[in-house]
C-alpha atoms as a PDB file:
ATOM      1  CA  MET A   1       0.000   0.000   0.000  1.00  0.00           C
ATOM      2  CA  LEU A   2       1.034   3.608  -0.499  1.00  0.00           C
ATOM      3  CA  THR A   3       0.999   4.039   3.278  1.00  0.00           C
ATOM      4  CA  GLU A   4       4.175   1.962   3.484  1.00  0.00           C
ATOM      5  CA  MET A   5       6.344   5.091   3.206  1.00  0.00           C
ATOM      6  CA  THR A   6       7.445   6.359   6.592  1.00  0.00           C
ATOM      7  CA  GLY A   7       9.239   9.273   8.199  1.00  0.00           C
ATOM      8  CA  ALA A   8      10.198  12.295   6.120  1.00  0.00           C
ATOM      9  CA  ALA A   9       9.116  10.537   2.943  1.00  0.00           C
ATOM     10  CA  THR A  10       5.426  10.642   3.887  1.00  0.00           C
ATOM     11  CA  GLU A  11       4.985  14.356   3.129  1.00  0.00           C
ATOM     12  CA  GLY A  12       5.868  15.529  -0.367  1.00  0.00           C
ATOM     13  CA  ARG A  13       7.403  18.985  -0.844  1.00  0.00           C
ATOM     14  CA  GLY A  14       6.814  19.279  -4.571  1.00  0.00           C
ATOM     15  CA  ARG A  15      10.472  18.770  -5.423  1.00  0.00           C
ATOM     16  CA  LEU A  16       9.534  17.050  -8.697  1.00  0.00           C
ATOM     17  CA  LEU A  17       6.371  19.028  -9.419  1.00  0.00           C
ATOM     18  CA  GLY A  18       5.450  18.721 -13.076  1.00  0.00           C
ATOM     19  CA  LYS A  19       8.546  16.750 -14.037  1.00  0.00           C
ATOM     20  CA  SER A  20       8.121  13.806 -16.376  1.00  0.00           C
ATOM     21  CA  ALA A  21       9.904  10.693 -15.102  1.00  0.00           C
ATOM     22  CA  VAL A  22      10.491   7.097 -16.172  1.00  0.00           C
ATOM     23  CA  ILE A  23      11.202   4.522 -13.465  1.00  0.00           C
ATOM     24  CA  THR A  24      12.280   1.066 -14.612  1.00  0.00           C
ATOM     25  CA  GLY A  25      11.792  -2.028 -12.484  1.00  0.00           C
ATOM     26  CA  ALA A  26       9.009  -0.222 -10.657  1.00  0.00           C
ATOM     27  CA  ALA A  27       6.798  -3.131  -9.610  1.00  0.00           C
ATOM     28  CA  PHE A  28       8.720  -4.066  -6.469  1.00  0.00           C
ATOM     29  CA  GLY A  29      11.325  -2.983  -3.945  1.00  0.00           C
ATOM     30  CA  ILE A  30      13.331   0.185  -4.495  1.00  0.00           C
ATOM     31  CA  GLY A  31      11.612   0.884  -7.809  1.00  0.00           C
ATOM     32  CA  ARG A  32       8.167   0.752  -6.239  1.00  0.00           C
ATOM     33  CA  ALA A  33       9.175   2.914  -3.280  1.00  0.00           C
ATOM     34  CA  THR A  34      10.694   5.417  -5.706  1.00  0.00           C
ATOM     35  CA  ALA A  35       7.510   5.577  -7.768  1.00  0.00           C
ATOM     36  CA  VAL A  36       5.467   6.218  -4.630  1.00  0.00           C
ATOM     37  CA  LEU A  37       7.747   9.015  -3.469  1.00  0.00           C
ATOM     38  CA  PHE A  38       8.051  10.560  -6.940  1.00  0.00           C
ATOM     39  CA  ALA A  39       4.257  10.725  -7.116  1.00  0.00           C
ATOM     40  CA  ARG A  40       4.136  12.423  -3.710  1.00  0.00           C
ATOM     41  CA  GLU A  41       6.697  14.940  -4.922  1.00  0.00           C
ATOM     42  CA  GLY A  42       4.519  15.853  -7.914  1.00  0.00           C
ATOM     43  CA  ALA A  43       6.137  13.921 -10.767  1.00  0.00           C
ATOM     44  CA  ARG A  44       4.235  12.667 -13.802  1.00  0.00           C
ATOM     45  CA  LEU A  45       5.229   9.044 -14.164  1.00  0.00           C
ATOM     46  CA  VAL A  46       5.915   6.259 -16.591  1.00  0.00           C
ATOM     47  CA  VAL A  47       6.461   3.121 -14.534  1.00  0.00           C
ATOM     48  CA  THR A  48       7.867   0.043 -16.226  1.00  0.00           C
ATOM     49  CA  ASP A  49       8.548  -3.569 -15.369  1.00  0.00           C
ATOM     50  CA  ILE A  50       8.654  -6.974 -16.997  1.00  0.00           C
ATOM     51  CA  GLN A  51       5.941  -8.171 -14.581  1.00  0.00           C
ATOM     52  CA  GLY A  52       2.681  -6.703 -15.763  1.00  0.00           C
ATOM     53  CA  GLU A  53       0.176  -7.549 -13.030  1.00  0.00           C
ATOM     54  CA  PRO A  54       1.990  -5.970 -10.049  1.00  0.00           C
ATOM     55  CA  LEU A  55       2.972  -3.004 -12.228  1.00  0.00           C
ATOM     56  CA  LEU A  56      -0.635  -2.313 -13.164  1.00  0.00           C
ATOM     57  CA  ALA A  57      -1.673  -2.651  -9.520  1.00  0.00           C
ATOM     58  CA  LEU A  58       0.933  -0.063  -8.519  1.00  0.00           C
ATOM     59  CA  ALA A  59      -0.222   2.308 -11.254  1.00  0.00           C
ATOM     60  CA  GLU A  60      -3.807   2.023 -10.081  1.00  0.00           C
ATOM     61  CA  GLU A  61      -2.807   2.892  -6.518  1.00  0.00           C
ATOM     62  CA  LEU A  62      -0.803   5.879  -7.724  1.00  0.00           C
ATOM     63  CA  ARG A  63      -3.689   7.145  -9.821  1.00  0.00           C
ATOM     64  CA  HIS A  64      -5.995   6.905  -6.809  1.00  0.00           C
ATOM     65  CA  SER A  65      -3.560   9.187  -4.991  1.00  0.00           C
ATOM     66  CA  GLY A  66      -3.912  11.751  -7.796  1.00  0.00           C
ATOM     67  CA  ALA A  67      -0.789  11.005  -9.824  1.00  0.00           C
ATOM     68  CA  GLN A  68      -0.599  10.984 -13.610  1.00  0.00           C
ATOM     69  CA  VAL A  69       0.762   7.550 -14.518  1.00  0.00           C
ATOM     70  CA  GLU A  70       1.469   5.521 -17.640  1.00  0.00           C
ATOM     71  CA  THR A  71       2.663   1.915 -17.631  1.00  0.00           C
ATOM     72  CA  VAL A  72       4.932   0.045 -20.016  1.00  0.00           C
ATOM     73  CA  VAL A  73       5.369  -3.695 -19.595  1.00  0.00           C
ATOM     74  CA  GLY A  74       8.652  -4.742 -21.135  1.00  0.00           C
ATOM     75  CA  ASP A  75      12.230  -5.923 -20.799  1.00  0.00           C
ATOM     76  CA  VAL A  76      14.907  -3.230 -20.504  1.00  0.00           C
ATOM     77  CA  SER A  77      17.428  -5.515 -22.211  1.00  0.00           C
ATOM     78  CA  VAL A  78      15.327  -5.551 -25.403  1.00  0.00           C
ATOM     79  CA  GLN A  79      16.099  -2.453 -27.446  1.00  0.00           C
ATOM     80  CA  ASN A  80      12.556  -1.897 -28.727  1.00  0.00           C
ATOM     81  CA  ASP A  81      11.131  -2.251 -25.215  1.00  0.00           C
ATOM     82  CA  ALA A  82      13.655   0.176 -23.737  1.00  0.00           C
ATOM     83  CA  GLU A  83      12.848   2.696 -26.455  1.00  0.00           C
ATOM     84  CA  ARG A  84       9.096   2.281 -25.829  1.00  0.00           C
ATOM     85  CA  MET A  85       9.592   3.064 -22.146  1.00  0.00           C
ATOM     86  CA  ILE A  86      11.209   6.401 -22.897  1.00  0.00           C
ATOM     87  CA  ARG A  87       8.920   7.224 -25.807  1.00  0.00           C
ATOM     88  CA  ALA A  88       5.892   6.746 -23.537  1.00  0.00           C
ATOM     89  CA  ALA A  89       6.967   9.729 -21.425  1.00  0.00           C
ATOM     90  CA  VAL A  90       7.513  11.943 -24.469  1.00  0.00           C
ATOM     91  CA  ASP A  91       4.220  10.894 -26.047  1.00  0.00           C
ATOM     92  CA  ARG A  92       2.143  11.340 -22.873  1.00  0.00           C
ATOM     93  CA  PHE A  93       3.845  14.306 -21.216  1.00  0.00           C
ATOM     94  CA  GLY A  94       5.679  15.972 -24.092  1.00  0.00           C
ATOM     95  CA  ARG A  95       9.144  15.554 -22.619  1.00  0.00           C
ATOM     96  CA  LEU A  96      11.374  13.504 -20.327  1.00  0.00           C
ATOM     97  CA  ASP A  97      12.988  15.163 -17.312  1.00  0.00           C
ATOM     98  CA  VAL A  98      14.101  12.202 -15.176  1.00  0.00           C
ATOM     99  CA  LEU A  99      15.120   8.600 -15.689  1.00  0.00           C
ATOM    100  CA  VAL A 100      15.582   6.234 -12.769  1.00  0.00           C
ATOM    101  CA  ALA A 101      17.437   3.251 -14.246  1.00  0.00           C
ATOM    102  CA  ASN A 102      16.537   0.768 -11.546  1.00  0.00           C
ATOM    103  CA  ALA A 103      15.645  -2.517 -13.270  1.00  0.00           C
ATOM    104  CA  GLY A 104      17.929  -5.343 -12.272  1.00  0.00           C
ATOM    105  CA  ILE A 105      18.273  -8.893 -11.007  1.00  0.00           C
ATOM    106  CA  ILE A 106      20.449 -10.191  -8.162  1.00  0.00           C
ATOM    107  CA  PRO A 107      21.791 -13.714  -8.666  1.00  0.00           C
ATOM    108  CA  LEU A 108      23.774 -14.799  -5.618  1.00  0.00           C
ATOM    109  CA  GLY A 109      26.707 -17.166  -5.909  1.00  0.00           C
ATOM    110  CA  ASP A 110      30.468 -17.411  -6.019  1.00  0.00           C
ATOM    111  CA  VAL A 111      32.374 -17.870  -9.266  1.00  0.00           C
ATOM    112  CA  GLN A 112      31.969 -21.645  -9.116  1.00  0.00           C
ATOM    113  CA  GLU A 113      28.240 -21.478  -8.404  1.00  0.00           C
ATOM    114  CA  VAL A 114      27.304 -18.857 -10.977  1.00  0.00           C
ATOM    115  CA  THR A 115      26.797 -20.236 -14.481  1.00  0.00           C
ATOM    116  CA  ALA A 116      27.546 -18.585 -17.799  1.00  0.00           C
ATOM    117  CA  THR A 117      23.785 -18.245 -18.267  1.00  0.00           C
ATOM    118  CA  ASP A 118      23.509 -16.430 -14.916  1.00  0.00           C
ATOM    119  CA  TRP A 119      26.295 -14.095 -16.028  1.00  0.00           C
ATOM    120  CA  ASP A 120      24.635 -13.381 -19.378  1.00  0.00           C
ATOM    121  CA  ASN A 121      21.255 -12.711 -17.753  1.00  0.00           C
ATOM    122  CA  VAL A 122      22.531 -10.232 -15.186  1.00  0.00           C
ATOM    123  CA  MET A 123      24.703  -8.449 -17.723  1.00  0.00           C
ATOM    124  CA  ALA A 124      21.745  -8.222 -20.122  1.00  0.00           C
ATOM    125  CA  ILE A 125      19.381  -6.668 -17.589  1.00  0.00           C
ATOM    126  CA  ASP A 126      21.632  -4.791 -15.162  1.00  0.00           C
ATOM    127  CA  GLY A 127      24.205  -3.777 -17.790  1.00  0.00           C
ATOM    128  CA  ARG A 128      22.723  -3.668 -21.287  1.00  0.00           C
ATOM    129  CA  GLY A 129      19.311  -2.598 -19.974  1.00  0.00           C
ATOM    130  CA  MET A 130      20.780   0.354 -18.094  1.00  0.00           C
ATOM    131  CA  PHE A 131      22.837   1.354 -21.128  1.00  0.00           C
ATOM    132  CA  LEU A 132      19.808   1.237 -23.439  1.00  0.00           C
ATOM    133  CA  THR A 133      17.462   3.184 -21.182  1.00  0.00           C
ATOM    134  CA  CYS A 134      20.133   5.822 -20.527  1.00  0.00           C
ATOM    135  CA  ARG A 135      20.857   6.077 -24.251  1.00  0.00           C
ATOM    136  CA  PHE A 136      17.238   6.666 -25.191  1.00  0.00           C
ATOM    137  CA  ALA A 137      16.672   8.977 -22.207  1.00  0.00           C
ATOM    138  CA  ILE A 138      19.571  11.216 -23.239  1.00  0.00           C
ATOM    139  CA  GLU A 139      18.205  11.313 -26.777  1.00  0.00           C
ATOM    140  CA  ALA A 140      14.837  12.452 -25.402  1.00  0.00           C
ATOM    141  CA  MET A 141      16.308  15.028 -22.990  1.00  0.00           C
ATOM    142  CA  LEU A 142      18.567  16.839 -25.445  1.00  0.00           C
ATOM    143  CA  PRO A 143      15.830  18.716 -27.368  1.00  0.00           C
ATOM    144  CA  THR A 144      14.345  20.131 -24.142  1.00  0.00           C
ATOM    145  CA  GLY A 145      17.575  21.335 -22.550  1.00  0.00           C
ATOM    146  CA  GLY A 146      18.551  18.451 -20.308  1.00  0.00           C
ATOM    147  CA  GLY A 147      17.391  16.412 -17.368  1.00  0.00           C
ATOM    148  CA  ALA A 148      18.546  14.064 -14.643  1.00  0.00           C
ATOM    149  CA  ILE A 149      19.396  10.368 -14.691  1.00  0.00           C
ATOM    150  CA  VAL A 150      19.785   8.307 -11.534  1.00  0.00           C
ATOM    151  CA  CYS A 151      21.290   4.849 -11.969  1.00  0.00           C
ATOM    152  CA  LEU A 152      21.049   2.077  -9.411  1.00  0.00           C
ATOM    153  CA  SER A 153      24.523   0.899  -8.530  1.00  0.00           C
ATOM    154  CA  SER A 154      25.309  -0.895  -5.270  1.00  0.00           C
ATOM    155  CA  ILE A 155      27.942  -1.249  -2.600  1.00  0.00           C
ATOM    156  CA  SER A 156      28.880  -4.214  -4.809  1.00  0.00           C
ATOM    157  CA  GLY A 157      29.601  -1.696  -7.575  1.00  0.00           C
ATOM    158  CA  LEU A 158      32.214   0.022  -5.423  1.00  0.00           C
ATOM    159  CA  ALA A 159      33.709  -2.791  -3.354  1.00  0.00           C
ATOM    160  CA  GLY A 160      34.005  -6.556  -3.479  1.00  0.00           C
ATOM    161  CA  GLN A 161      31.578  -8.855  -1.703  1.00  0.00           C
ATOM    162  CA  LYS A 162      31.304 -12.604  -1.351  1.00  0.00           C
ATOM    163  CA  ARG A 163      28.801 -14.568  -3.437  1.00  0.00           C
ATOM    164  CA  GLN A 164      28.300 -11.757  -5.953  1.00  0.00           C
ATOM    165  CA  ALA A 165      30.566 -12.939  -8.755  1.00  0.00           C
ATOM    166  CA  ALA A 166      28.073 -11.856 -11.457  1.00  0.00           C
ATOM    167  CA  TYR A 167      25.959  -9.198  -9.760  1.00  0.00           C
ATOM    168  CA  GLY A 168      28.916  -7.203  -8.418  1.00  0.00           C
ATOM    169  CA  PRO A 169      30.637  -6.762 -11.802  1.00  0.00           C
ATOM    170  CA  ALA A 170      27.285  -5.733 -13.319  1.00  0.00           C
ATOM    171  CA  LYS A 171      27.005  -2.993 -10.705  1.00  0.00           C
ATOM    172  CA  PHE A 172      30.532  -1.835 -11.517  1.00  0.00           C
ATOM    173  CA  ILE A 173      29.070  -1.219 -14.979  1.00  0.00           C
ATOM    174  CA  ALA A 174      26.413   0.992 -13.385  1.00  0.00           C
ATOM    175  CA  THR A 175      29.080   2.962 -11.517  1.00  0.00           C
ATOM    176  CA  GLY A 176      31.242   3.358 -14.615  1.00  0.00           C
ATOM    177  CA  LEU A 177      28.344   4.260 -16.902  1.00  0.00           C
ATOM    178  CA  THR A 178      27.270   6.931 -14.431  1.00  0.00           C
ATOM    179  CA  LYS A 179      30.651   8.611 -14.360  1.00  0.00           C
ATOM    180  CA  HIS A 180      31.301   8.468 -18.096  1.00  0.00           C
ATOM    181  CA  LEU A 181      27.842   9.717 -19.078  1.00  0.00           C
ATOM    182  CA  ALA A 182      28.066  12.496 -16.488  1.00  0.00           C
ATOM    183  CA  VAL A 183      31.235  13.855 -18.064  1.00  0.00           C
ATOM    184  CA  GLU A 184      29.985  13.301 -21.592  1.00  0.00           C
ATOM    185  CA  TRP A 185      26.710  15.197 -21.233  1.00  0.00           C
ATOM    186  CA  ALA A 186      27.257  17.765 -18.457  1.00  0.00           C
ATOM    187  CA  ASP A 187      27.624  20.627 -20.942  1.00  0.00           C
ATOM    188  CA  ARG A 188      24.255  19.731 -22.481  1.00  0.00           C
ATOM    189  CA  GLY A 189      22.353  20.071 -19.207  1.00  0.00           C
ATOM    190  CA  ILE A 190      22.088  16.387 -18.360  1.00  0.00           C
ATOM    191  CA  ARG A 191      23.135  15.282 -14.886  1.00  0.00           C
ATOM    192  CA  VAL A 192      23.915  11.600 -14.292  1.00  0.00           C
ATOM    193  CA  ASN A 193      24.311  10.258 -10.772  1.00  0.00           C
ATOM    194  CA  ALA A 194      23.870   6.952  -8.990  1.00  0.00           C
ATOM    195  CA  VAL A 195      22.903   5.576  -5.631  1.00  0.00           C
ATOM    196  CA  ALA A 196      24.821   2.653  -4.150  1.00  0.00           C
ATOM    197  CA  PRO A 197      22.494   0.892  -1.716  1.00  0.00           C
ATOM    198  CA  GLY A 198      23.702  -1.499   0.909  1.00  0.00           C
ATOM    199  CA  THR A 199      21.516  -4.499   1.643  1.00  0.00           C
ATOM    200  CA  ILE A 200      17.895  -3.334   1.438  1.00  0.00           C
ATOM    201  CA  ARG A 201      14.744  -5.078   2.642  1.00  0.00           C
ATOM    202  CA  THR A 202      13.368  -5.827  -0.817  1.00  0.00           C
ATOM    203  CA  GLU A 203      11.200  -8.795  -1.678  1.00  0.00           C
ATOM    204  CA  ARG A 204      14.335 -10.612  -2.838  1.00  0.00           C
ATOM    205  CA  VAL A 205      16.065 -10.095   0.499  1.00  0.00           C
ATOM    206  CA  GLU A 206      12.942 -11.072   2.433  1.00  0.00           C
ATOM    207  CA  ARG A 207      13.034 -14.462   0.654  1.00  0.00           C
ATOM    208  CA  LEU A 208      16.580 -15.219   1.796  1.00  0.00           C
ATOM    209  CA  PRO A 209      15.514 -17.047   4.986  1.00  0.00           C
ATOM    210  CA  GLU A 210      13.648 -19.549   2.792  1.00  0.00           C
ATOM    211  CA  GLU A 211      16.900 -20.560   1.061  1.00  0.00           C
ATOM    212  CA  PRO A 212      19.566 -22.897   2.449  1.00  0.00           C
ATOM    213  CA  GLY A 213      21.866 -20.847   4.654  1.00  0.00           C
ATOM    214  CA  GLY A 214      19.849 -17.719   3.887  1.00  0.00           C
ATOM    215  CA  SER A 215      19.067 -16.756   7.467  1.00  0.00           C
ATOM    216  CA  GLU A 216      22.710 -17.030   8.506  1.00  0.00           C
ATOM    217  CA  TYR A 217      23.804 -15.085   5.425  1.00  0.00           C
ATOM    218  CA  LEU A 218      21.327 -12.277   6.122  1.00  0.00           C
ATOM    219  CA  ALA A 219      22.320 -12.064   9.798  1.00  0.00           C
ATOM    220  CA  ALA A 220      25.974 -11.801   8.805  1.00  0.00           C
ATOM    221  CA  VAL A 221      25.163  -9.083   6.278  1.00  0.00           C
ATOM    222  CA  GLU A 222      23.276  -7.077   8.892  1.00  0.00           C
ATOM    223  CA  ARG A 223      26.304  -7.201  11.203  1.00  0.00           C
ATOM    224  CA  MET A 224      28.504  -5.889   8.387  1.00  0.00           C
ATOM    225  CA  HIS A 225      26.534  -2.627   8.260  1.00  0.00           C
ATOM    226  CA  PRO A 226      27.752  -0.325  11.067  1.00  0.00           C
ATOM    227  CA  MET A 227      24.167   0.751  11.812  1.00  0.00           C
ATOM    228  CA  GLY A 228      23.469  -2.906  12.666  1.00  0.00           C
ATOM    229  CA  ARG A 229      20.520  -3.252  10.327  1.00  0.00           C
ATOM    230  CA  ILE A 230      19.662  -3.407   6.649  1.00  0.00           C
ATOM    231  CA  GLY A 231      17.978  -0.508   4.867  1.00  0.00           C
ATOM    232  CA  GLU A 232      14.423   0.107   3.753  1.00  0.00           C
ATOM    233  CA  PRO A 233      13.420   0.804   0.130  1.00  0.00           C
ATOM    234  CA  ALA A 234      11.991   4.186   1.144  1.00  0.00           C
ATOM    235  CA  GLU A 235      15.406   5.262   2.427  1.00  0.00           C
ATOM    236  CA  VAL A 236      16.942   4.663  -0.986  1.00  0.00           C
ATOM    237  CA  ALA A 237      13.994   6.343  -2.700  1.00  0.00           C
ATOM    238  CA  SER A 238      14.608   9.507  -0.665  1.00  0.00           C
ATOM    239  CA  ALA A 239      18.184   9.683  -1.954  1.00  0.00           C
ATOM    240  CA  ILE A 240      16.988   9.139  -5.520  1.00  0.00           C
ATOM    241  CA  VAL A 241      14.485  11.994  -5.225  1.00  0.00           C
ATOM    242  CA  PHE A 242      17.252  14.306  -4.008  1.00  0.00           C
ATOM    243  CA  LEU A 243      19.542  13.448  -6.933  1.00  0.00           C
ATOM    244  CA  ALA A 244      16.684  13.783  -9.433  1.00  0.00           C
ATOM    245  CA  SER A 245      15.540  17.140  -8.068  1.00  0.00           C
ATOM    246  CA  ASP A 246      16.848  20.661  -8.565  1.00  0.00           C
ATOM    247  CA  ASP A 247      18.252  20.459  -5.013  1.00  0.00           C
ATOM    248  CA  ALA A 248      21.122  18.529  -6.653  1.00  0.00           C
ATOM    249  CA  SER A 249      21.576  20.985  -9.531  1.00  0.00           C
ATOM    250  CA  PHE A 250      25.399  21.137  -9.185  1.00  0.00           C
ATOM    251  CA  ILE A 251      25.885  17.405  -8.627  1.00  0.00           C
ATOM    252  CA  THR A 252      26.783  15.065 -11.461  1.00  0.00           C
ATOM    253  CA  GLY A 253      28.955  11.972 -11.667  1.00  0.00           C
ATOM    254  CA  ALA A 254      28.379  11.178  -7.994  1.00  0.00           C
ATOM    255  CA  VAL A 255      27.742   7.701  -6.620  1.00  0.00           C
ATOM    256  CA  LEU A 256      25.930   8.204  -3.319  1.00  0.00           C
ATOM    257  CA  PRO A 257      26.154   5.317  -0.825  1.00  0.00           C
ATOM    258  CA  VAL A 258      22.897   4.578   0.998  1.00  0.00           C
ATOM    259  CA  ASP A 259      24.414   1.813   3.038  1.00  0.00           C
ATOM    260  CA  GLY A 260      24.277   2.361   6.787  1.00  0.00           C
ATOM    261  CA  GLY A 261      28.019   3.078   6.819  1.00  0.00           C
ATOM    262  CA  TYR A 262      29.115  -0.116   5.030  1.00  0.00           C
ATOM    263  CA  LEU A 263      31.586   1.564   2.679  1.00  0.00           C
ATOM    264  CA  ALA A 264      32.993   3.837   5.393  1.00  0.00           C
ATOM    265  CA  GLN A 265      34.758   0.886   7.042  1.00  0.00           C
END
């Protein structure tokens, strides 16, 4: 429910009022929390995901709260789908101001557990999909004077972690893409930043206790965060709103940890 947002995130301040935004991977987790907060901050939204039913349910909730929302069901790793996601914002709202490149998968395993197929899948979605949506977003932003892109990296895109032999390298792509695009397009009014979440209480993380060794793994991960807990999707969404808003007008090429102090160690 939309009431799941807590704390400062519950009251919008209009930081994205009237801005047209695309959020990929919006049906669950960080993407969903971001869509909820963007709507509260006044954004006009295109929400996308490969899973149609939960995406449409989210859109219906957002519309009931007064938001203008379009949906696109598709796969960010498919070029035509990625282009449709961006084109939907231009067609419906006349422009694109913000892209949140969030769609991704998280296969867990060390280099002997992860298969070549696992590697290809995560690189297709987390890597190629982010590249494609950023590419088409930049194309859409240039005629209107710029915009803001926020990519989803990870602490695994800045430091090594166990059992992330495929996911971690994919998030290094997110970090690198952010920095290179930021430099490439800064003089055309396009800011590109990223957030690097620590372990966040997404649906994927909540399923860990059901897997062999999952409870022990999650407990160990919690201890690795100096705050002694994992994060909430709404906490990452708040950072994304900041980077997407005019409050961050002189920030580009930054990768902002939202990690309870993990990377400060």
